[in-house]
Protein backbone atom coordinates (compact mmCIF):
# COMPACT_ATOMS: atom_id res chain seq x y z
CA MET A 1 156.69 96.26 157.58
CA SER A 2 160.26 95.40 156.63
CA LEU A 3 161.02 94.87 160.34
CA PHE A 4 158.65 91.90 160.37
CA LEU A 5 159.28 90.62 156.86
CA HIS A 6 161.69 87.97 158.09
CA LEU A 7 158.79 86.44 160.04
CA LEU A 8 156.87 85.89 156.80
CA VAL A 9 159.56 84.97 154.30
CA GLY A 10 162.89 83.21 154.35
CA PRO A 11 166.02 82.65 152.30
CA GLU A 12 164.49 79.67 150.48
CA LEU A 13 161.57 81.71 149.10
CA ARG A 14 161.27 81.39 145.33
CA TYR A 15 157.96 83.17 144.60
CA ILE A 16 156.21 86.21 146.05
CA SER A 17 153.18 88.26 145.05
CA PHE A 18 152.08 91.50 146.68
CA SER A 19 149.94 94.52 145.95
CA ILE A 20 150.74 98.19 146.29
CA PRO A 21 147.90 99.80 148.27
CA SER A 22 145.78 102.33 146.43
CA SER A 23 146.53 105.94 147.10
CA ASP A 24 145.07 109.24 146.02
CA ASN A 25 148.61 110.54 145.78
CA PRO A 26 151.06 108.20 144.03
CA ASP A 27 153.85 110.65 144.94
CA ASP A 28 153.19 110.22 148.67
CA GLN A 29 156.67 110.00 150.22
CA ALA A 30 155.58 107.90 153.21
CA SER A 31 154.13 105.23 150.90
CA LEU A 32 157.21 105.40 148.73
CA ALA A 33 159.48 104.92 151.73
CA THR A 34 157.50 101.85 152.84
CA PHE A 35 157.59 100.45 149.32
CA LYS A 36 161.36 100.96 149.21
CA SER A 37 161.89 99.26 152.56
CA VAL A 38 159.92 96.19 151.43
CA LEU A 39 161.90 95.90 148.20
CA ALA A 40 165.18 96.29 150.07
CA ALA A 41 164.18 93.69 152.65
CA LEU A 42 163.25 91.21 149.93
CA ARG A 43 166.64 91.65 148.35
CA SER A 44 168.48 90.92 151.58
CA THR A 45 166.11 88.23 152.87
CA CYS A 46 165.31 86.26 149.70
CA PRO A 47 168.47 85.88 147.60
CA LEU A 48 167.02 82.94 145.67
CA LEU A 49 163.82 84.73 144.57
CA GLU A 50 162.82 83.54 141.08
CA SER A 51 159.35 84.96 140.54
CA ILE A 52 157.74 88.20 141.64
CA ALA A 53 154.30 89.65 140.92
CA VAL A 54 153.46 93.23 141.83
CA SER A 55 149.94 94.58 141.36
CA SER A 56 148.49 98.00 141.99
CA ALA A 57 144.98 99.35 142.34
CA TRP A 58 145.89 102.70 140.83
CA ARG A 59 147.32 103.94 137.58
CA GLY A 60 149.71 106.77 136.86
CA GLN A 61 152.51 105.81 139.22
CA SER A 62 155.20 108.42 139.60
CA ALA A 63 158.41 108.12 137.61
CA GLU A 64 160.25 107.87 140.94
CA SER A 65 158.25 104.86 142.10
CA THR A 66 158.56 102.93 138.81
CA SER A 67 162.26 103.72 138.60
CA LEU A 68 162.65 102.48 142.17
CA LEU A 69 160.78 99.28 141.40
CA SER A 70 162.76 98.53 138.23
CA SER A 71 166.07 99.19 139.99
CA TYR A 72 165.28 96.77 142.79
CA LEU A 73 163.90 94.15 140.41
CA ALA A 74 167.09 94.35 138.40
CA SER A 75 169.05 93.61 141.57
CA TYR A 76 167.25 90.28 142.16
CA ARG A 77 169.70 88.39 139.98
CA ASN A 78 167.93 84.99 140.03
CA LEU A 79 164.59 86.25 138.77
CA LYS A 80 163.00 84.18 136.02
CA CYS A 81 159.54 85.76 136.03
CA ILE A 82 158.33 89.34 136.55
CA LYS A 83 154.65 90.22 136.42
CA CYS A 84 153.70 93.88 136.86
CA PRO A 85 150.53 94.09 134.77
CA ASP A 86 149.23 97.27 136.44
CA ILE A 87 152.43 99.30 136.58
CA GLU A 88 153.49 101.48 133.67
CA LEU A 89 157.19 101.18 132.96
CA VAL A 90 159.12 103.46 130.61
CA VAL A 91 161.88 102.34 128.29
CA GLN A 92 164.59 103.16 130.85
CA ASP A 93 162.88 100.88 133.39
CA VAL A 94 162.60 98.01 130.91
CA ALA A 95 166.24 98.48 129.90
CA LYS A 96 167.29 97.96 133.53
CA LEU A 97 165.45 94.64 133.63
CA SER A 98 167.29 93.46 130.53
CA SER A 99 170.36 93.03 132.72
CA LEU A 100 168.74 90.03 134.45
CA PRO A 101 170.56 86.98 133.05
CA SER A 102 167.84 84.37 133.70
CA LEU A 103 164.62 86.33 133.15
CA GLU A 104 162.33 84.24 130.92
CA THR A 105 158.83 85.69 131.42
CA MET A 106 157.71 89.31 131.81
CA VAL A 107 154.27 90.92 131.96
CA ILE A 108 154.19 94.73 132.02
CA ARG A 109 152.41 97.87 130.92
CA PHE A 110 154.51 100.20 128.78
CA SER A 111 154.40 103.98 128.76
CA SER A 112 156.28 106.58 126.78
CA SER A 113 159.11 108.46 128.43
CA GLY A 114 157.99 111.45 126.34
CA ASP A 115 154.70 113.30 125.87
CA VAL A 116 152.79 111.35 123.22
CA GLU A 117 149.97 113.87 123.26
CA SER A 118 152.10 116.74 122.01
CA GLY A 119 152.10 117.70 118.37
CA SER A 120 155.73 116.67 118.01
CA ASN A 121 155.29 113.30 119.71
CA ILE A 122 156.51 111.18 116.79
CA SER A 123 159.79 113.01 116.33
CA GLN A 124 160.25 113.21 120.09
CA ILE A 125 159.79 109.46 120.54
CA THR A 126 162.09 108.76 117.62
CA ARG A 127 164.81 110.94 119.15
CA THR A 128 164.38 109.14 122.48
CA CYS A 129 164.86 105.77 120.76
CA LEU A 130 167.96 106.94 118.94
CA HIS A 131 169.54 108.17 122.16
CA THR A 132 168.56 105.15 124.26
CA PRO A 133 171.45 102.67 124.50
CA ALA A 134 170.54 99.37 122.86
CA SER A 135 169.51 96.74 125.40
CA THR A 136 169.03 93.00 125.00
CA PHE A 137 167.13 90.45 127.06
CA PRO A 138 169.44 87.42 126.87
CA SER A 139 166.93 84.84 128.16
CA LEU A 140 163.46 86.39 127.75
CA LYS A 141 161.12 83.91 126.03
CA HIS A 142 157.68 85.28 126.88
CA LEU A 143 156.78 88.98 126.85
CA GLU A 144 153.25 90.24 127.43
CA VAL A 145 152.62 93.98 127.21
CA ARG A 146 149.17 94.64 128.65
CA SER A 147 148.98 98.20 127.37
CA CYS A 148 151.13 100.27 125.01
CA ASP A 149 150.23 103.38 123.04
CA VAL A 150 151.11 102.39 119.47
CA ARG A 151 153.15 105.60 119.16
CA CYS A 152 155.39 104.35 121.98
CA TYR A 153 156.20 101.04 120.33
CA PRO A 154 159.39 102.32 118.64
CA GLN A 155 160.79 102.84 122.14
CA LEU A 156 159.93 99.30 123.19
CA ALA A 157 161.26 97.97 119.87
CA SER A 158 164.67 99.48 120.63
CA ILE A 159 165.14 96.63 123.15
CA MET A 160 166.21 93.41 121.43
CA LEU A 161 164.64 90.00 122.07
CA PRO A 162 167.08 87.40 120.67
CA VAL A 163 165.40 84.28 122.11
CA ILE A 164 161.77 85.42 122.32
CA GLU A 165 159.18 82.71 121.71
CA THR A 166 155.89 84.44 122.55
CA LEU A 167 155.16 88.15 122.08
CA GLU A 168 151.77 89.56 123.02
CA VAL A 169 151.11 93.29 122.77
CA GLU A 170 147.86 95.10 123.46
CA LEU A 171 148.11 98.39 121.60
CA GLU A 172 146.12 101.56 122.15
CA THR A 173 145.21 103.82 119.25
CA THR A 174 143.13 106.78 118.18
CA GLY A 175 142.10 107.78 114.70
CA GLN A 176 145.07 110.15 114.70
CA SER A 177 147.73 107.62 115.75
CA ARG A 178 150.89 107.78 113.64
CA LEU A 179 154.13 105.83 113.24
CA SER A 180 157.15 106.82 111.19
CA GLN A 181 157.96 103.16 110.39
CA PRO A 182 155.70 100.15 109.69
CA LEU A 183 154.75 98.45 112.95
CA PHE A 184 155.42 94.96 111.58
CA ALA A 185 158.88 96.06 110.42
CA LEU A 186 159.67 97.17 113.99
CA ILE A 187 158.59 93.79 115.33
CA ALA A 188 160.66 91.97 112.70
CA SER A 189 163.75 93.98 113.66
CA GLN A 190 163.23 93.40 117.39
CA CYS A 191 162.54 89.64 117.53
CA ALA A 192 164.79 86.78 116.51
CA SER A 193 163.56 85.20 113.28
CA GLU A 194 164.37 81.66 114.36
CA SER A 195 162.82 81.70 117.86
CA LEU A 196 159.47 83.52 117.66
CA SER A 197 156.65 80.97 117.58
CA ALA A 198 153.62 83.00 118.71
CA LEU A 199 152.67 86.61 117.98
CA TYR A 200 149.53 88.30 119.30
CA LEU A 201 148.67 91.89 118.36
CA LEU A 202 145.51 93.31 119.91
CA ASP A 203 143.62 96.59 119.69
CA CYS A 204 140.18 96.21 121.24
CA ARG A 205 138.97 99.80 120.72
CA ASP A 206 135.56 99.52 119.08
CA ASP A 207 134.55 103.17 118.96
CA GLY A 208 135.83 106.34 117.34
CA ASP A 209 137.56 106.72 113.98
CA LEU A 210 139.48 104.07 112.11
CA VAL A 211 143.28 104.20 112.23
CA THR A 212 144.28 105.49 108.81
CA CYS A 213 148.08 105.75 109.18
CA PRO A 214 149.59 103.48 106.48
CA ASN A 215 152.36 102.31 108.84
CA ILE A 216 149.79 100.90 111.27
CA ALA A 217 147.52 99.40 108.62
CA ILE A 218 147.45 95.67 107.91
CA SER A 219 148.53 95.26 104.31
CA SER A 220 150.22 92.66 102.15
CA SER A 221 153.51 94.56 102.14
CA HIS A 222 153.48 94.92 105.93
CA LEU A 223 152.55 91.28 106.55
CA ARG A 224 155.57 90.26 104.49
CA HIS A 225 157.82 91.58 107.28
CA LEU A 226 156.53 88.69 109.41
CA LEU A 227 157.48 86.00 106.91
CA ILE A 228 160.99 85.92 108.39
CA PHE A 229 159.61 84.06 111.44
CA ARG A 230 160.00 80.59 109.97
CA ASN A 231 159.01 78.75 113.16
CA LEU A 232 155.78 80.64 113.71
CA ARG A 233 153.01 78.43 115.09
CA ARG A 234 150.45 81.06 115.98
CA LEU A 235 149.68 84.50 114.55
CA GLU A 236 146.67 86.34 115.89
CA ILE A 237 145.93 89.92 114.84
CA ALA A 238 142.76 91.31 116.41
CA ALA A 239 142.81 95.04 115.68
CA ILE A 240 139.23 96.24 115.41
CA PRO A 241 139.90 99.80 114.16
CA TRP A 242 142.86 99.17 111.82
CA SER A 243 142.52 99.54 108.07
CA THR A 244 142.96 96.04 106.60
CA GLU A 245 143.68 94.92 103.04
CA TYR A 246 145.68 91.89 101.88
CA ASP A 247 145.75 89.51 98.94
CA ASP A 248 146.37 85.91 97.91
CA GLY A 249 150.03 86.58 97.21
CA VAL A 250 151.07 87.16 100.81
CA LEU A 251 148.87 84.38 102.21
CA ILE A 252 150.18 81.85 99.69
CA ASP A 253 153.73 82.84 100.62
CA ALA A 254 152.81 82.57 104.31
CA ALA A 255 151.62 78.99 103.75
CA THR A 256 155.14 78.17 102.58
CA ALA A 257 157.03 80.36 105.07
CA TRP A 258 155.25 78.97 108.17
CA PRO A 259 155.24 75.15 107.80
CA ASP A 260 154.44 74.59 111.50
CA LEU A 261 151.56 77.07 111.71
CA GLU A 262 148.62 75.88 113.80
CA TYR A 263 146.57 79.06 114.29
CA LEU A 264 146.16 82.03 111.95
CA ASP A 265 143.80 84.97 112.25
CA VAL A 266 144.57 87.94 110.01
CA ASN A 267 142.29 90.51 111.64
CA THR A 268 138.88 88.93 111.17
CA SER A 269 137.91 91.17 114.11
CA VAL A 270 138.15 94.33 111.99
CA ARG A 271 135.14 96.60 111.76
CA VAL A 272 133.56 95.98 108.38
CA SER A 273 134.25 99.56 107.31
CA GLY A 274 137.95 98.91 107.90
CA TRP A 275 138.18 96.03 105.40
CA ARG A 276 139.50 97.53 102.18
CA ARG A 277 139.35 95.51 98.97
CA SER A 278 139.42 98.13 96.25
CA SER A 279 142.84 97.15 94.89
CA SER A 280 143.57 93.69 96.33
CA TYR A 281 141.82 90.86 98.12
CA ALA A 282 142.26 87.21 99.05
CA THR A 283 140.24 84.32 97.63
CA LEU A 284 139.81 80.59 98.18
CA ARG A 285 143.22 80.19 96.54
CA SER A 286 144.69 81.13 99.93
CA VAL A 287 142.75 78.42 101.76
CA TYR A 288 143.95 75.85 99.23
CA ALA A 289 147.55 77.06 99.60
CA PHE A 290 147.50 76.07 103.28
CA ALA A 291 145.98 72.70 102.38
CA LYS A 292 148.61 72.12 99.70
CA ASN A 293 151.58 72.95 101.92
CA TYR A 294 150.59 71.16 105.12
CA GLY A 295 147.65 70.04 107.21
CA ARG A 296 148.60 71.13 110.73
CA ILE A 297 146.55 74.29 110.99
CA ASN A 298 143.47 74.01 113.23
CA HIS A 299 142.16 77.60 113.04
CA LEU A 300 142.18 79.70 109.89
CA GLY A 301 140.76 83.21 109.99
CA VAL A 302 140.96 85.25 106.78
CA LEU A 303 138.92 87.82 104.90
CA LEU A 304 138.03 86.45 101.45
CA ASP A 305 136.19 87.38 98.30
CA ALA A 306 134.51 84.15 97.23
CA GLN A 307 132.78 85.88 94.31
CA GLU A 308 135.75 86.24 91.95
CA PRO A 309 135.07 83.58 89.24
CA SER A 310 138.54 82.58 87.99
CA GLN A 311 139.51 81.03 91.34
CA TYR A 312 137.12 78.14 90.74
CA THR A 313 138.48 77.09 87.38
CA GLU A 314 142.05 77.39 88.71
CA LEU A 315 141.36 75.31 91.80
CA LEU A 316 139.50 72.38 90.22
CA PRO A 317 141.76 69.39 90.97
CA ASN A 318 143.28 67.32 88.20
CA GLN A 319 144.73 63.83 88.37
CA ASP A 320 148.23 65.15 89.06
CA GLU A 321 146.98 66.40 92.44
CA TRP A 322 145.69 63.04 93.68
CA HIS A 323 147.90 61.33 96.26
CA ASP A 324 148.81 57.66 96.01
CA ASP A 325 146.08 56.81 98.51
CA GLY A 326 143.40 58.54 96.44
CA SER A 327 143.19 61.65 98.57
CA LEU A 328 143.67 65.33 97.76
CA HIS A 329 145.57 68.00 99.64
CA THR A 330 143.41 68.66 102.69
CA LEU A 331 143.40 70.34 106.08
CA PRO A 332 142.42 67.37 108.27
CA ASN A 333 143.04 69.20 111.56
CA LEU A 334 141.08 72.35 110.70
CA ALA A 335 138.42 72.90 113.37
CA VAL A 336 137.43 76.52 112.61
CA LEU A 337 137.26 78.51 109.38
CA ASP A 338 136.63 82.12 110.41
CA LEU A 339 135.41 84.08 107.37
CA ALA A 340 134.25 87.23 109.19
CA TRP A 341 132.94 89.66 106.54
CA SER A 342 133.90 87.51 103.53
CA THR A 343 131.77 88.01 100.42
CA ILE A 344 129.96 85.31 98.42
CA ASP A 345 127.49 85.03 95.54
CA ASP A 346 127.11 81.30 94.78
CA PRO A 347 126.82 79.03 97.86
CA GLU A 348 126.68 75.80 95.84
CA ARG A 349 129.91 76.60 94.02
CA VAL A 350 131.69 77.58 97.25
CA ALA A 351 130.52 74.46 99.11
CA MET A 352 131.64 72.23 96.22
CA MET A 353 135.09 73.82 96.13
CA LEU A 354 135.66 73.78 99.90
CA SER A 355 134.66 70.12 100.04
CA TYR A 356 137.83 69.22 98.15
CA PHE A 357 140.19 70.36 100.92
CA LEU A 358 138.29 70.92 104.19
CA PRO A 359 137.13 68.26 106.69
CA GLU A 360 133.42 67.56 107.01
CA ASP A 361 133.23 68.68 110.67
CA VAL A 362 134.85 72.10 110.20
CA ARG A 363 133.00 74.92 111.96
CA PHE A 364 132.31 78.15 110.07
CA LYS A 365 132.38 81.52 111.83
CA LEU A 366 130.97 84.74 110.39
CA GLY A 367 131.13 88.39 111.37
CA THR A 368 133.30 90.00 114.01
CA ASN A 369 134.19 87.53 116.78
CA GLY A 370 131.93 84.97 115.15
CA VAL A 371 128.76 87.06 115.50
CA TYR A 372 127.39 88.54 112.31
CA VAL A 373 125.73 91.60 113.86
CA ALA A 374 125.92 94.90 112.03
CA ASP A 375 126.25 98.29 113.64
CA PRO A 376 123.30 100.22 112.15
CA GLU A 377 125.51 103.32 111.97
CA GLU A 378 127.92 101.53 109.65
CA MET A 379 126.25 101.36 106.27
CA GLU A 380 128.94 98.97 105.07
CA ALA A 381 127.99 96.50 107.79
CA VAL A 382 124.29 96.71 106.93
CA GLU A 383 125.13 96.06 103.28
CA MET A 384 127.33 93.08 104.23
CA GLU A 385 124.46 91.40 106.06
CA ARG A 386 123.09 90.24 102.72
CA PHE A 387 125.85 87.61 102.64
CA ILE A 388 124.61 85.92 105.84
CA PRO A 389 122.00 83.62 104.26
CA LEU A 390 124.43 82.72 101.47
CA TRP A 391 127.11 81.52 103.90
CA GLU A 392 124.45 79.76 105.96
CA ARG A 393 123.48 77.93 102.78
CA VAL A 394 127.12 76.83 102.41
CA MET A 395 126.99 75.40 105.94
CA VAL A 396 123.91 73.34 105.01
CA LEU A 397 125.34 72.07 101.73
CA PHE A 398 128.87 71.39 102.87
CA PRO A 399 128.46 68.17 104.98
CA PRO A 400 126.55 66.09 102.38
CA ILE A 401 128.89 67.21 99.62
CA CYS A 402 131.83 66.16 101.81
CA ARG A 403 130.30 62.70 102.15
CA VAL A 404 130.16 62.47 98.37
CA ARG A 405 133.83 63.46 98.27
CA THR A 406 134.61 60.63 100.71
CA GLN A 407 132.99 58.15 98.35
CA GLU A 408 134.94 59.62 95.43
CA ARG A 409 138.21 59.21 97.31
CA ALA A 410 137.42 55.61 98.15
CA ARG A 411 136.74 54.95 94.46
CA ALA A 412 140.00 56.74 93.52
CA ARG A 413 141.95 54.53 95.94
CA ARG A 414 140.50 51.41 94.34
CA LEU A 415 141.37 52.63 90.85
CA ILE A 416 144.89 53.57 91.85
CA ALA A 417 145.38 50.22 93.57
CA SER A 418 144.33 48.45 90.36
CA GLY A 419 146.75 50.53 88.30
CA ASN A 420 143.99 52.41 86.48
CA ILE A 421 145.06 55.88 87.55
CA GLY A 422 143.86 57.42 84.32
CA ALA A 423 140.27 56.73 85.37
CA VAL A 424 140.58 58.73 88.56
């Protein structure tokens, strides 16, 4: 094929996409030789190549083929975009690509260079990380990892991302998955605190056991590692099988730490049996904290306990909280409030409180992915279904109460304008 490549491409080519044919034997030397000749021809024929996409119909490529691919990609010095969503690269392959001075976007699959199935996988991976020379992507702004065993992430985290803006990682777990360090701490050490604006962490496994390793769990202490990202605009954690427990403290601090945040979802996708609230939980105080600090957020997804009584007396507004125009701290841009498995006992009280700081047209979502359907094998989910009609009652009550609040604010503006602020 390389003999005819010059008939198809030329020196001005900036973008190319091709697929590696499927093969029952990824180690087939004839296929490997053809693959090598194409890569070599591209290097000599297309010196200005900026974007390359390589797909494959098969998994489990040989180490020789992925090493060959990464070596040739690293030799295309003008590359700005690499997309290899079907090809599993190991840390040595990714380290080669970090030498590209202008690479801004990369989509890959990541695989361990060690045996993650062995009993000593954690110590083996740790040793590999310690002996892998530190690499840095000088220009990489967008990294999407389509698949990565969570136990391999320490290897990937050994490669620094000093200007990263968007990081999306789809992690794979089992109930036995383990990490020797908190996952969020690894991310915080890998990414530049001033540049990261969007973080997506996904684990779509919806069967098998929950992940019980504390270093993979979503907790208040682990979420605090992410507070260093002061320019964060979007945080989406959708990890169905991860144990999840967080409180008002970390969410209130997040409202201050992320002033430009527009989208937040702190694992509302979790299986109901994975939501722990024995020692700590969030309340409506967290929702108000976001309203009090700014109004930019348009999607807020949090797991709350709306039953705890003291939150209501604490949150009732007093005259010191009225603005000069007669309004309260609100979230005017909020389009979706995703409450997932949140608990409730008094719909009228909840609707009254939310009407102080949410817009009338906000849309409520319940259950996992917005669908409150319980798995009959999960007794916790069946028990949680009793909250459905209570939240539905909130949805009915909320709009008319909001209209009353609008009238109250208009009255407050008139009183303030007349200098009678004490009557507000």
